[in-house]
Amino acid sequence: MQFQITQIEFDLSNDGDDIPPEHVDLVQQELQEEYIGQIITADDEDDLVDEVSCMSGWCIKSIDYRHVLSDI
């Protein structure tokens, strides 16, 4: 199935990565700009979260998406 990301929030809590607190909002915004609108192929919602986490290197706090229907 194909999913288009319509909204996403990444978990940028301090887990060893050194993002200064004053840059967290900027990093969140940059990641959102990169992923919102992308169409990703995945088996289901759990697989979609796994795919995006793997691609971005960050865990997902929340994600909204729409199913993309194929024109067969």
N, C-alpha and C. Protein backbone atom coordinates (compact mmCIF):
# COMPACT_ATOMS: atom_id res chain seq x y z
N MET A 1 0.84 -1.18 0.00
CA MET A 1 0.00 0.00 0.00
C MET A 1 0.89 1.24 0.00
N GLN A 2 0.30 2.32 -0.50
CA GLN A 2 1.02 3.58 -0.48
C GLN A 2 0.33 4.55 0.47
N PHE A 3 1.15 5.27 1.22
CA PHE A 3 0.66 6.23 2.20
C PHE A 3 1.31 7.58 1.91
N GLN A 4 0.51 8.64 1.97
CA GLN A 4 1.07 9.99 1.87
C GLN A 4 0.98 10.63 3.24
N ILE A 5 2.12 11.08 3.74
CA ILE A 5 2.18 11.69 5.06
C ILE A 5 1.56 13.08 5.00
N THR A 6 0.58 13.33 5.87
CA THR A 6 -0.08 14.63 5.90
C THR A 6 0.33 15.46 7.12
N GLN A 7 0.79 14.78 8.16
CA GLN A 7 1.28 15.45 9.37
C GLN A 7 2.17 14.47 10.11
N ILE A 8 3.22 14.98 10.71
CA ILE A 8 4.13 14.09 11.44
C ILE A 8 4.84 14.88 12.53
N GLU A 9 5.06 14.21 13.66
CA GLU A 9 5.84 14.80 14.74
C GLU A 9 6.86 13.76 15.19
N PHE A 10 8.10 14.17 15.22
CA PHE A 10 9.19 13.28 15.60
C PHE A 10 9.49 13.43 17.09
N ASP A 11 9.96 12.36 17.70
CA ASP A 11 10.36 12.38 19.10
C ASP A 11 11.82 12.81 19.16
N LEU A 12 12.05 14.07 19.43
CA LEU A 12 13.40 14.63 19.47
C LEU A 12 13.92 14.76 20.89
N SER A 13 13.32 13.98 21.80
CA SER A 13 13.79 14.03 23.19
C SER A 13 15.23 13.58 23.24
N ASN A 14 15.94 14.06 24.18
CA ASN A 14 17.38 13.82 24.27
C ASN A 14 17.66 12.35 24.56
N ASP A 15 18.14 11.64 23.54
CA ASP A 15 18.47 10.23 23.71
C ASP A 15 19.93 9.99 23.33
N GLY A 16 20.76 10.94 23.67
CA GLY A 16 22.17 10.82 23.35
C GLY A 16 22.58 11.73 22.20
N ASP A 17 21.60 12.15 21.38
CA ASP A 17 21.91 13.09 20.31
C ASP A 17 22.00 14.48 20.92
N ASP A 18 22.92 15.24 20.42
CA ASP A 18 23.17 16.55 21.01
C ASP A 18 22.48 17.66 20.24
N ILE A 19 21.17 17.71 20.33
CA ILE A 19 20.42 18.84 19.76
C ILE A 19 20.19 19.81 20.91
N PRO A 20 20.79 20.98 20.83
CA PRO A 20 20.56 21.97 21.88
C PRO A 20 19.06 22.29 21.98
N PRO A 21 18.56 22.48 23.18
CA PRO A 21 17.12 22.75 23.36
C PRO A 21 16.59 23.87 22.48
N GLU A 22 17.42 24.88 22.24
CA GLU A 22 16.94 26.01 21.43
C GLU A 22 16.84 25.66 19.95
N HIS A 23 17.35 24.50 19.53
CA HIS A 23 17.28 24.09 18.13
C HIS A 23 16.25 23.00 17.86
N VAL A 24 15.62 22.48 18.90
CA VAL A 24 14.67 21.38 18.74
C VAL A 24 13.53 21.77 17.80
N ASP A 25 12.96 22.96 17.97
CA ASP A 25 11.85 23.39 17.12
C ASP A 25 12.28 23.50 15.66
N LEU A 26 13.47 24.01 15.43
CA LEU A 26 13.98 24.15 14.07
C LEU A 26 14.20 22.78 13.42
N VAL A 27 14.76 21.84 14.15
CA VAL A 27 14.99 20.50 13.63
C VAL A 27 13.64 19.83 13.34
N GLN A 28 12.68 19.98 14.25
CA GLN A 28 11.34 19.42 14.05
C GLN A 28 10.73 19.97 12.76
N GLN A 29 10.83 21.28 12.57
CA GLN A 29 10.27 21.92 11.38
C GLN A 29 10.95 21.40 10.11
N GLU A 30 12.26 21.29 10.13
CA GLU A 30 12.99 20.80 8.96
C GLU A 30 12.60 19.36 8.62
N LEU A 31 12.46 18.53 9.64
CA LEU A 31 12.05 17.15 9.40
C LEU A 31 10.63 17.08 8.85
N GLN A 32 9.74 17.90 9.40
CA GLN A 32 8.36 17.93 8.91
C GLN A 32 8.32 18.37 7.45
N GLU A 33 9.08 19.39 7.11
CA GLU A 33 9.11 19.85 5.72
C GLU A 33 9.62 18.76 4.79
N GLU A 34 10.55 17.96 5.28
CA GLU A 34 11.12 16.90 4.45
C GLU A 34 10.13 15.74 4.23
N TYR A 35 9.34 15.41 5.25
CA TYR A 35 8.52 14.20 5.17
C TYR A 35 7.05 14.44 4.84
N ILE A 36 6.49 15.59 5.19
CA ILE A 36 5.08 15.84 4.87
C ILE A 36 4.94 15.92 3.36
N GLY A 37 4.00 15.16 2.84
CA GLY A 37 3.76 15.11 1.40
C GLY A 37 4.41 13.91 0.72
N GLN A 38 5.37 13.30 1.38
CA GLN A 38 6.03 12.13 0.79
C GLN A 38 5.07 10.96 0.70
N ILE A 39 5.22 10.20 -0.37
CA ILE A 39 4.45 8.97 -0.54
C ILE A 39 5.41 7.81 -0.27
N ILE A 40 5.00 6.96 0.66
CA ILE A 40 5.85 5.86 1.10
C ILE A 40 5.07 4.56 0.97
N THR A 41 5.74 3.55 0.44
CA THR A 41 5.14 2.23 0.32
C THR A 41 5.42 1.44 1.59
N ALA A 42 4.36 0.89 2.19
CA ALA A 42 4.49 0.11 3.41
C ALA A 42 3.34 -0.90 3.46
N ASP A 43 3.51 -1.93 4.28
CA ASP A 43 2.48 -2.96 4.40
C ASP A 43 1.25 -2.48 5.17
N ASP A 44 1.49 -1.68 6.23
CA ASP A 44 0.42 -1.18 7.08
C ASP A 44 0.95 0.02 7.86
N GLU A 45 0.15 0.54 8.79
CA GLU A 45 0.55 1.73 9.55
C GLU A 45 1.82 1.47 10.38
N ASP A 46 1.91 0.32 11.00
CA ASP A 46 3.11 0.01 11.79
C ASP A 46 4.36 -0.01 10.91
N ASP A 47 4.23 -0.59 9.74
CA ASP A 47 5.35 -0.64 8.81
C ASP A 47 5.70 0.77 8.32
N LEU A 48 4.69 1.61 8.13
CA LEU A 48 4.92 3.00 7.72
C LEU A 48 5.76 3.72 8.78
N VAL A 49 5.39 3.57 10.04
CA VAL A 49 6.14 4.20 11.14
C VAL A 49 7.57 3.68 11.15
N ASP A 50 7.73 2.37 10.98
CA ASP A 50 9.07 1.79 10.94
C ASP A 50 9.89 2.33 9.78
N GLU A 51 9.28 2.43 8.60
CA GLU A 51 9.98 2.93 7.42
C GLU A 51 10.46 4.37 7.62
N VAL A 52 9.56 5.23 8.13
CA VAL A 52 9.91 6.64 8.31
C VAL A 52 10.96 6.78 9.41
N SER A 53 10.83 6.01 10.48
CA SER A 53 11.82 6.05 11.55
C SER A 53 13.20 5.65 11.03
N CYS A 54 13.22 4.60 10.22
CA CYS A 54 14.48 4.13 9.65
C CYS A 54 15.08 5.18 8.71
N MET A 55 14.25 5.78 7.87
CA MET A 55 14.72 6.78 6.91
C MET A 55 15.24 8.03 7.62
N SER A 56 14.53 8.47 8.65
CA SER A 56 14.87 9.74 9.30
C SER A 56 15.91 9.58 10.42
N GLY A 57 15.93 8.40 11.02
CA GLY A 57 16.81 8.19 12.17
C GLY A 57 16.18 8.64 13.48
N TRP A 58 14.89 8.96 13.45
CA TRP A 58 14.17 9.43 14.64
C TRP A 58 12.92 8.60 14.86
N CYS A 59 12.51 8.43 16.11
CA CYS A 59 11.24 7.79 16.42
C CYS A 59 10.11 8.76 16.09
N ILE A 60 8.94 8.21 15.87
CA ILE A 60 7.76 9.00 15.51
C ILE A 60 6.89 9.16 16.75
N LYS A 61 6.53 10.41 17.06
CA LYS A 61 5.59 10.68 18.16
C LYS A 61 4.16 10.52 17.67
N SER A 62 3.87 11.11 16.50
CA SER A 62 2.54 10.99 15.91
C SER A 62 2.66 11.15 14.40
N ILE A 63 1.73 10.50 13.70
CA ILE A 63 1.74 10.58 12.24
C ILE A 63 0.30 10.50 11.72
N ASP A 64 -0.01 11.33 10.76
CA ASP A 64 -1.28 11.29 10.04
C ASP A 64 -0.94 11.06 8.58
N TYR A 65 -1.79 10.35 7.90
CA TYR A 65 -1.51 9.99 6.51
C TYR A 65 -2.82 9.75 5.78
N ARG A 66 -2.71 9.61 4.48
CA ARG A 66 -3.86 9.19 3.68
C ARG A 66 -3.37 8.06 2.80
N HIS A 67 -4.30 7.16 2.48
CA HIS A 67 -3.97 6.06 1.57
C HIS A 67 -3.99 6.61 0.15
N VAL A 68 -3.00 6.24 -0.63
CA VAL A 68 -2.94 6.65 -2.03
C VAL A 68 -3.46 5.47 -2.85
N LEU A 69 -4.52 5.73 -3.57
CA LEU A 69 -5.12 4.68 -4.39
C LEU A 69 -4.44 4.66 -5.75
N SER A 70 -4.18 3.49 -6.26
CA SER A 70 -3.55 3.38 -7.57
C SER A 70 -4.62 3.51 -8.66
N ASP A 71 -4.20 3.96 -9.85
CA ASP A 71 -5.16 4.07 -10.95
C ASP A 71 -4.97 2.90 -11.90
N ILE A 72 -5.48 1.78 -11.48
CA ILE A 72 -5.40 0.58 -12.32
C ILE A 72 -6.65 0.46 -13.14
